[in-house]
Amino acid sequence: MEYDLELNKVVDEIKKQKAKTVCIQLPDGLKNKALEIHDYIEKNTKAKCFIWMSSCFGACDIPELKDVDLLIQFGHSNFL
């Protein structure tokens, strides 16, 4: 299955927030896209991008992070 990761929206938000460090959290089914997401963000922003490779069981599973300006969670479902 192919997903629209909406990376242009991710880049816009990083720039809007003026984030210098960004953490991307992915569910297991999207972790194969981690390198693609990382490379796109670092190519199109000045932010340093980190991928959270531990669990991601939904919007309530937020990792405890230090020194990260912005956390972006991806999921399989549309969440408004």
N, C-alpha and C. Protein backbone atom coordinates (compact mmCIF):
# COMPACT_ATOMS: atom_id res chain seq x y z
N MET A 1 0.84 -1.17 0.00
CA MET A 1 0.00 0.00 0.00
C MET A 1 0.89 1.24 0.00
N GLU A 2 0.50 2.23 -0.75
CA GLU A 2 1.25 3.47 -0.85
C GLU A 2 0.55 4.56 -0.05
N TYR A 3 1.32 5.31 0.72
CA TYR A 3 0.79 6.38 1.55
C TYR A 3 1.28 7.73 1.05
N ASP A 4 0.43 8.73 1.16
CA ASP A 4 0.84 10.10 0.91
C ASP A 4 1.34 10.65 2.24
N LEU A 5 2.62 10.78 2.39
CA LEU A 5 3.22 11.21 3.65
C LEU A 5 3.11 12.72 3.88
N GLU A 6 2.65 13.44 2.87
CA GLU A 6 2.45 14.90 2.96
C GLU A 6 3.70 15.59 3.50
N LEU A 7 4.84 15.23 2.95
CA LEU A 7 6.10 15.78 3.45
C LEU A 7 6.21 17.27 3.23
N ASN A 8 5.51 17.79 2.24
CA ASN A 8 5.52 19.25 2.04
C ASN A 8 4.89 19.95 3.25
N LYS A 9 3.85 19.36 3.85
CA LYS A 9 3.24 19.94 5.05
C LYS A 9 4.18 19.83 6.25
N VAL A 10 4.92 18.74 6.31
CA VAL A 10 5.91 18.56 7.39
C VAL A 10 6.97 19.66 7.30
N VAL A 11 7.49 19.87 6.11
CA VAL A 11 8.50 20.91 5.90
C VAL A 11 7.94 22.29 6.24
N ASP A 12 6.72 22.57 5.81
CA ASP A 12 6.09 23.86 6.12
C ASP A 12 5.98 24.08 7.63
N GLU A 13 5.61 23.04 8.37
CA GLU A 13 5.46 23.17 9.82
C GLU A 13 6.81 23.35 10.50
N ILE A 14 7.81 22.65 10.04
CA ILE A 14 9.16 22.81 10.59
C ILE A 14 9.63 24.25 10.41
N LYS A 15 9.42 24.78 9.22
CA LYS A 15 9.82 26.16 8.95
C LYS A 15 8.98 27.15 9.77
N LYS A 16 7.69 26.90 9.88
CA LYS A 16 6.80 27.77 10.65
C LYS A 16 7.22 27.81 12.12
N GLN A 17 7.57 26.66 12.69
CA GLN A 17 7.98 26.56 14.08
C GLN A 17 9.45 26.96 14.30
N LYS A 18 10.18 27.15 13.19
CA LYS A 18 11.62 27.46 13.24
C LYS A 18 12.37 26.41 14.06
N ALA A 19 11.96 25.16 13.86
CA ALA A 19 12.55 24.04 14.60
C ALA A 19 13.94 23.73 14.06
N LYS A 20 14.86 23.54 14.97
CA LYS A 20 16.23 23.18 14.60
C LYS A 20 16.48 21.68 14.74
N THR A 21 15.73 21.04 15.64
CA THR A 21 15.81 19.60 15.81
C THR A 21 14.39 19.03 15.76
N VAL A 22 14.22 17.99 14.97
CA VAL A 22 12.92 17.40 14.74
C VAL A 22 13.03 15.90 14.96
N CYS A 23 12.04 15.34 15.66
CA CYS A 23 11.96 13.90 15.84
C CYS A 23 10.74 13.39 15.09
N ILE A 24 10.94 12.35 14.31
CA ILE A 24 9.86 11.72 13.56
C ILE A 24 9.52 10.41 14.24
N GLN A 25 8.25 10.22 14.56
CA GLN A 25 7.78 8.98 15.19
C GLN A 25 6.85 8.27 14.21
N LEU A 26 7.18 7.01 13.94
CA LEU A 26 6.46 6.23 12.94
C LEU A 26 5.93 4.92 13.54
N PRO A 27 4.75 4.50 13.11
CA PRO A 27 4.31 3.16 13.50
C PRO A 27 5.13 2.13 12.72
N ASP A 28 5.12 0.90 13.19
CA ASP A 28 5.94 -0.15 12.56
C ASP A 28 5.71 -0.25 11.05
N GLY A 29 4.48 -0.11 10.61
CA GLY A 29 4.16 -0.25 9.19
C GLY A 29 4.74 0.84 8.31
N LEU A 30 5.19 1.94 8.90
CA LEU A 30 5.78 3.03 8.11
C LEU A 30 7.28 3.20 8.36
N LYS A 31 7.86 2.39 9.22
CA LYS A 31 9.28 2.55 9.52
C LYS A 31 10.18 2.31 8.32
N ASN A 32 9.67 1.60 7.34
CA ASN A 32 10.47 1.40 6.11
C ASN A 32 10.59 2.70 5.31
N LYS A 33 9.83 3.73 5.67
CA LYS A 33 9.89 5.04 5.01
C LYS A 33 10.79 6.01 5.78
N ALA A 34 11.40 5.57 6.87
CA ALA A 34 12.16 6.46 7.76
C ALA A 34 13.28 7.20 7.03
N LEU A 35 14.07 6.51 6.25
CA LEU A 35 15.19 7.15 5.56
C LEU A 35 14.68 8.16 4.54
N GLU A 36 13.63 7.82 3.82
CA GLU A 36 13.04 8.74 2.84
C GLU A 36 12.57 10.03 3.54
N ILE A 37 11.90 9.89 4.66
CA ILE A 37 11.40 11.05 5.41
C ILE A 37 12.58 11.88 5.94
N HIS A 38 13.54 11.21 6.56
CA HIS A 38 14.73 11.88 7.11
C HIS A 38 15.43 12.70 6.03
N ASP A 39 15.71 12.07 4.90
CA ASP A 39 16.44 12.74 3.83
C ASP A 39 15.67 13.93 3.27
N TYR A 40 14.36 13.78 3.12
CA TYR A 40 13.53 14.86 2.58
C TYR A 40 13.56 16.07 3.52
N ILE A 41 13.41 15.82 4.81
CA ILE A 41 13.41 16.90 5.79
C ILE A 41 14.75 17.62 5.82
N GLU A 42 15.83 16.87 5.88
CA GLU A 42 17.14 17.51 5.96
C GLU A 42 17.52 18.22 4.65
N LYS A 43 17.00 17.76 3.54
CA LYS A 43 17.27 18.42 2.26
C LYS A 43 16.48 19.72 2.13
N ASN A 44 15.27 19.76 2.68
CA ASN A 44 14.37 20.88 2.45
C ASN A 44 14.22 21.84 3.63
N THR A 45 14.95 21.59 4.72
CA THR A 45 14.94 22.49 5.87
C THR A 45 16.37 22.60 6.40
N LYS A 46 16.53 23.45 7.40
CA LYS A 46 17.83 23.55 8.08
C LYS A 46 17.84 22.71 9.35
N ALA A 47 16.78 21.95 9.57
CA ALA A 47 16.64 21.17 10.80
C ALA A 47 17.44 19.87 10.74
N LYS A 48 17.88 19.45 11.91
CA LYS A 48 18.48 18.12 12.07
C LYS A 48 17.33 17.18 12.41
N CYS A 49 17.24 16.08 11.71
CA CYS A 49 16.12 15.16 11.85
C CYS A 49 16.57 13.86 12.51
N PHE A 50 15.78 13.43 13.50
CA PHE A 50 16.01 12.16 14.18
C PHE A 50 14.79 11.28 14.00
N ILE A 51 14.99 10.00 13.88
CA ILE A 51 13.89 9.05 13.76
C ILE A 51 13.77 8.27 15.06
N TRP A 52 12.58 8.28 15.65
CA TRP A 52 12.29 7.50 16.85
C TRP A 52 11.96 6.09 16.38
N MET A 53 12.82 5.13 16.70
CA MET A 53 12.63 3.77 16.21
C MET A 53 12.00 2.84 17.24
N SER A 54 11.62 3.37 18.39
CA SER A 54 10.95 2.56 19.39
C SER A 54 9.45 2.53 19.08
N SER A 55 8.65 2.22 20.06
CA SER A 55 7.22 2.02 19.84
C SER A 55 6.49 3.28 19.39
N CYS A 56 5.37 3.06 18.75
CA CYS A 56 4.45 4.13 18.39
C CYS A 56 3.08 3.48 18.25
N PHE A 57 2.31 3.54 19.33
CA PHE A 57 1.01 2.90 19.36
C PHE A 57 -0.13 3.90 19.25
N GLY A 58 0.12 5.01 18.61
CA GLY A 58 -0.92 6.01 18.42
C GLY A 58 -0.55 7.35 19.03
N ALA A 59 -1.49 8.28 18.92
CA ALA A 59 -1.24 9.66 19.32
C ALA A 59 -0.94 9.82 20.80
N CYS A 60 -1.33 8.85 21.62
CA CYS A 60 -1.07 8.96 23.06
C CYS A 60 0.29 8.38 23.44
N ASP A 61 1.01 7.79 22.50
CA ASP A 61 2.32 7.19 22.77
C ASP A 61 3.42 8.18 22.39
N ILE A 62 3.61 9.17 23.25
CA ILE A 62 4.56 10.24 22.98
C ILE A 62 5.86 9.95 23.73
N PRO A 63 6.98 9.92 23.00
CA PRO A 63 8.26 9.65 23.67
C PRO A 63 8.70 10.84 24.52
N GLU A 64 9.43 10.54 25.59
CA GLU A 64 10.01 11.59 26.41
C GLU A 64 11.32 12.01 25.75
N LEU A 65 11.33 13.22 25.24
CA LEU A 65 12.48 13.70 24.48
C LEU A 65 13.06 14.93 25.13
N LYS A 66 14.36 15.07 25.03
CA LYS A 66 15.05 16.27 25.49
C LYS A 66 15.74 16.89 24.30
N ASP A 67 15.78 18.18 24.28
CA ASP A 67 16.50 18.92 23.24
C ASP A 67 15.95 18.68 21.84
N VAL A 68 14.65 18.47 21.73
CA VAL A 68 13.99 18.35 20.43
C VAL A 68 12.94 19.45 20.35
N ASP A 69 12.97 20.22 19.27
CA ASP A 69 12.06 21.34 19.12
C ASP A 69 10.67 20.92 18.65
N LEU A 70 10.59 19.84 17.88
CA LEU A 70 9.32 19.45 17.29
C LEU A 70 9.26 17.94 17.12
N LEU A 71 8.15 17.36 17.56
CA LEU A 71 7.87 15.94 17.35
C LEU A 71 6.78 15.83 16.31
N ILE A 72 7.02 15.02 15.29
CA ILE A 72 6.02 14.78 14.25
C ILE A 72 5.70 13.30 14.24
N GLN A 73 4.43 12.98 14.47
CA GLN A 73 3.96 11.60 14.46
C GLN A 73 3.25 11.31 13.14
N PHE A 74 3.60 10.18 12.56
CA PHE A 74 2.88 9.70 11.39
C PHE A 74 2.02 8.53 11.83
N GLY A 75 0.91 8.33 11.14
CA GLY A 75 0.04 7.20 11.43
C GLY A 75 -0.61 6.69 10.16
N HIS A 76 -1.36 5.64 10.30
CA HIS A 76 -2.03 5.04 9.14
C HIS A 76 -3.38 5.69 8.86
N SER A 77 -3.92 6.37 9.84
CA SER A 77 -5.27 6.95 9.70
C SER A 77 -5.19 8.46 9.76
N ASN A 78 -6.19 9.09 9.14
CA ASN A 78 -6.30 10.53 9.19
C ASN A 78 -6.71 10.95 10.59
N PHE A 79 -5.95 11.83 11.21
CA PHE A 79 -6.21 12.26 12.58
C PHE A 79 -6.23 13.78 12.58
N LEU A 80 -7.38 14.34 12.87
CA LEU A 80 -7.50 15.81 12.84
C LEU A 80 -7.47 16.39 14.20
